[in-house]
Amino acid sequence: MIDKTITIEDLIEDYAFSVNFLSKKGIKCIACGEPIWGTLEEACLEKNYTQKDIEAFVNELNILVKNQ
């Protein structure tokens, strides 16, 4: 199960579909090779997402995992 403390590296390594998800949310430019460090929460906060937004992203990601 994904939570907001997962590192971006672990997220994309364990769930390849998350690259597209994160890109659509404007969180990280993984495809163009931007260095990625930190947690999902930290990356979201850098883009001024709220805790409520982060919770919604985690829920969406976990739904995607179930549908894989």
N, C-alpha and C. Protein backbone atom coordinates (compact mmCIF):
# COMPACT_ATOMS: atom_id res chain seq x y z
N MET A 1 0.84 -1.18 0.00
CA MET A 1 0.00 0.00 0.00
C MET A 1 0.89 1.25 0.00
N ILE A 2 0.49 2.20 -0.78
CA ILE A 2 1.22 3.46 -0.91
C ILE A 2 0.74 4.44 0.16
N ASP A 3 1.68 5.15 0.75
CA ASP A 3 1.31 6.25 1.64
C ASP A 3 2.18 7.46 1.31
N LYS A 4 1.92 8.57 1.95
CA LYS A 4 2.59 9.82 1.61
C LYS A 4 4.07 9.82 1.97
N THR A 5 4.51 8.86 2.77
CA THR A 5 5.92 8.81 3.17
C THR A 5 6.78 7.98 2.23
N ILE A 6 6.18 7.39 1.20
CA ILE A 6 6.96 6.61 0.24
C ILE A 6 7.90 7.55 -0.51
N THR A 7 9.13 7.10 -0.72
CA THR A 7 10.04 7.93 -1.49
C THR A 7 9.63 7.88 -2.96
N ILE A 8 9.92 8.94 -3.66
CA ILE A 8 9.61 8.99 -5.09
C ILE A 8 10.33 7.85 -5.80
N GLU A 9 11.58 7.60 -5.43
CA GLU A 9 12.34 6.52 -6.05
C GLU A 9 11.65 5.17 -5.88
N ASP A 10 11.20 4.87 -4.66
CA ASP A 10 10.51 3.60 -4.41
C ASP A 10 9.17 3.54 -5.15
N LEU A 11 8.49 4.66 -5.18
CA LEU A 11 7.20 4.71 -5.85
C LEU A 11 7.34 4.33 -7.32
N ILE A 12 8.28 4.96 -8.02
CA ILE A 12 8.39 4.68 -9.45
C ILE A 12 9.04 3.32 -9.72
N GLU A 13 9.89 2.87 -8.80
CA GLU A 13 10.50 1.55 -8.97
C GLU A 13 9.46 0.45 -8.79
N ASP A 14 8.60 0.58 -7.77
CA ASP A 14 7.62 -0.45 -7.46
C ASP A 14 6.36 -0.34 -8.32
N TYR A 15 6.03 0.87 -8.76
CA TYR A 15 4.79 1.11 -9.50
C TYR A 15 5.09 2.00 -10.70
N ALA A 16 5.53 1.38 -11.78
CA ALA A 16 5.97 2.13 -12.96
C ALA A 16 4.90 3.10 -13.48
N PHE A 17 3.63 2.75 -13.34
CA PHE A 17 2.55 3.63 -13.81
C PHE A 17 2.54 4.98 -13.11
N SER A 18 3.18 5.05 -11.95
CA SER A 18 3.16 6.30 -11.18
C SER A 18 3.91 7.43 -11.88
N VAL A 19 4.83 7.09 -12.79
CA VAL A 19 5.55 8.13 -13.54
C VAL A 19 4.55 9.01 -14.29
N ASN A 20 3.63 8.37 -14.99
CA ASN A 20 2.61 9.10 -15.73
C ASN A 20 1.69 9.88 -14.79
N PHE A 21 1.29 9.26 -13.70
CA PHE A 21 0.43 9.90 -12.72
C PHE A 21 1.08 11.17 -12.17
N LEU A 22 2.32 11.07 -11.75
CA LEU A 22 3.03 12.22 -11.19
C LEU A 22 3.21 13.32 -12.23
N SER A 23 3.54 12.92 -13.45
CA SER A 23 3.72 13.91 -14.52
C SER A 23 2.43 14.68 -14.77
N LYS A 24 1.31 13.98 -14.77
CA LYS A 24 0.02 14.65 -14.99
C LYS A 24 -0.31 15.63 -13.87
N LYS A 25 0.18 15.34 -12.68
CA LYS A 25 -0.06 16.23 -11.53
C LYS A 25 0.97 17.35 -11.46
N GLY A 26 1.97 17.30 -12.35
CA GLY A 26 3.00 18.34 -12.36
C GLY A 26 3.96 18.24 -11.19
N ILE A 27 4.06 17.07 -10.62
CA ILE A 27 4.87 16.92 -9.41
C ILE A 27 6.35 16.81 -9.73
N LYS A 28 6.73 15.96 -10.67
CA LYS A 28 8.13 15.80 -11.03
C LYS A 28 8.23 15.51 -12.52
N CYS A 29 9.28 16.00 -13.12
CA CYS A 29 9.53 15.73 -14.53
C CYS A 29 10.45 14.53 -14.62
N ILE A 30 9.92 13.37 -14.31
CA ILE A 30 10.71 12.15 -14.26
C ILE A 30 11.23 11.79 -15.65
N ALA A 31 10.38 11.95 -16.65
CA ALA A 31 10.74 11.56 -18.02
C ALA A 31 11.93 12.34 -18.54
N CYS A 32 12.10 13.59 -18.11
CA CYS A 32 13.21 14.39 -18.63
C CYS A 32 14.45 14.30 -17.74
N GLY A 33 14.41 13.44 -16.73
CA GLY A 33 15.60 13.17 -15.95
C GLY A 33 15.86 14.10 -14.78
N GLU A 34 14.87 14.84 -14.34
CA GLU A 34 15.05 15.70 -13.17
C GLU A 34 15.42 14.84 -11.97
N PRO A 35 16.43 15.22 -11.20
CA PRO A 35 16.78 14.43 -10.02
C PRO A 35 15.59 14.38 -9.05
N ILE A 36 15.38 13.22 -8.49
CA ILE A 36 14.22 13.02 -7.62
C ILE A 36 14.71 12.57 -6.25
N TRP A 37 14.38 13.33 -5.25
CA TRP A 37 14.74 12.97 -3.89
C TRP A 37 13.56 13.28 -2.99
N GLY A 38 13.42 12.52 -1.94
CA GLY A 38 12.39 12.81 -0.96
C GLY A 38 11.15 11.96 -1.12
N THR A 39 10.18 12.30 -0.32
CA THR A 39 8.94 11.54 -0.27
C THR A 39 7.88 12.13 -1.20
N LEU A 40 6.82 11.36 -1.39
CA LEU A 40 5.69 11.84 -2.17
C LEU A 40 5.13 13.11 -1.54
N GLU A 41 5.01 13.11 -0.23
CA GLU A 41 4.50 14.29 0.47
C GLU A 41 5.38 15.51 0.22
N GLU A 42 6.68 15.36 0.34
CA GLU A 42 7.60 16.48 0.14
C GLU A 42 7.50 17.02 -1.30
N ALA A 43 7.42 16.10 -2.26
CA ALA A 43 7.32 16.51 -3.66
C ALA A 43 6.02 17.28 -3.91
N CYS A 44 4.94 16.83 -3.30
CA CYS A 44 3.64 17.52 -3.45
C CYS A 44 3.68 18.90 -2.80
N LEU A 45 4.28 18.97 -1.63
CA LEU A 45 4.35 20.26 -0.93
C LEU A 45 5.18 21.27 -1.71
N GLU A 46 6.22 20.79 -2.42
CA GLU A 46 7.03 21.69 -3.25
C GLU A 46 6.19 22.36 -4.34
N LYS A 47 5.12 21.66 -4.75
CA LYS A 47 4.24 22.19 -5.80
C LYS A 47 2.99 22.84 -5.20
N ASN A 48 3.05 23.12 -3.91
CA ASN A 48 1.99 23.83 -3.18
C ASN A 48 0.66 23.07 -3.09
N TYR A 49 0.74 21.74 -3.14
CA TYR A 49 -0.46 20.94 -2.89
C TYR A 49 -0.72 20.91 -1.39
N THR A 50 -1.99 20.81 -1.01
CA THR A 50 -2.37 20.75 0.40
C THR A 50 -2.32 19.31 0.91
N GLN A 51 -2.43 19.17 2.22
CA GLN A 51 -2.50 17.82 2.80
C GLN A 51 -3.72 17.07 2.26
N LYS A 52 -4.80 17.78 2.04
CA LYS A 52 -6.01 17.16 1.48
C LYS A 52 -5.73 16.65 0.06
N ASP A 53 -5.02 17.45 -0.74
CA ASP A 53 -4.64 17.03 -2.09
C ASP A 53 -3.75 15.77 -2.03
N ILE A 54 -2.81 15.78 -1.11
CA ILE A 54 -1.87 14.66 -0.98
C ILE A 54 -2.63 13.40 -0.62
N GLU A 55 -3.57 13.52 0.29
CA GLU A 55 -4.40 12.37 0.68
C GLU A 55 -5.17 11.83 -0.53
N ALA A 56 -5.70 12.73 -1.34
CA ALA A 56 -6.43 12.33 -2.55
C ALA A 56 -5.50 11.62 -3.53
N PHE A 57 -4.27 12.13 -3.70
CA PHE A 57 -3.30 11.48 -4.59
C PHE A 57 -2.98 10.07 -4.12
N VAL A 58 -2.75 9.92 -2.82
CA VAL A 58 -2.44 8.60 -2.26
C VAL A 58 -3.61 7.65 -2.52
N ASN A 59 -4.83 8.13 -2.32
CA ASN A 59 -6.00 7.29 -2.57
C ASN A 59 -6.08 6.90 -4.04
N GLU A 60 -5.85 7.85 -4.94
CA GLU A 60 -5.88 7.56 -6.37
C GLU A 60 -4.82 6.54 -6.75
N LEU A 61 -3.62 6.70 -6.22
CA LEU A 61 -2.54 5.76 -6.51
C LEU A 61 -2.88 4.36 -6.02
N ASN A 62 -3.45 4.25 -4.83
CA ASN A 62 -3.81 2.94 -4.31
C ASN A 62 -4.93 2.29 -5.12
N ILE A 63 -5.84 3.08 -5.65
CA ILE A 63 -6.87 2.54 -6.54
C ILE A 63 -6.22 2.01 -7.82
N LEU A 64 -5.26 2.78 -8.36
CA LEU A 64 -4.55 2.34 -9.55
C LEU A 64 -3.81 1.03 -9.31
N VAL A 65 -3.21 0.88 -8.14
CA VAL A 65 -2.51 -0.35 -7.79
C VAL A 65 -3.47 -1.53 -7.83
N LYS A 66 -4.65 -1.36 -7.25
CA LYS A 66 -5.64 -2.43 -7.22
C LYS A 66 -6.11 -2.81 -8.62
N ASN A 67 -6.11 -1.85 -9.53
CA ASN A 67 -6.61 -2.08 -10.88
C ASN A 67 -5.53 -2.58 -11.84
N GLN A 68 -4.32 -2.73 -11.38
CA GLN A 68 -3.22 -3.20 -12.24
C GLN A 68 -3.30 -4.69 -12.46
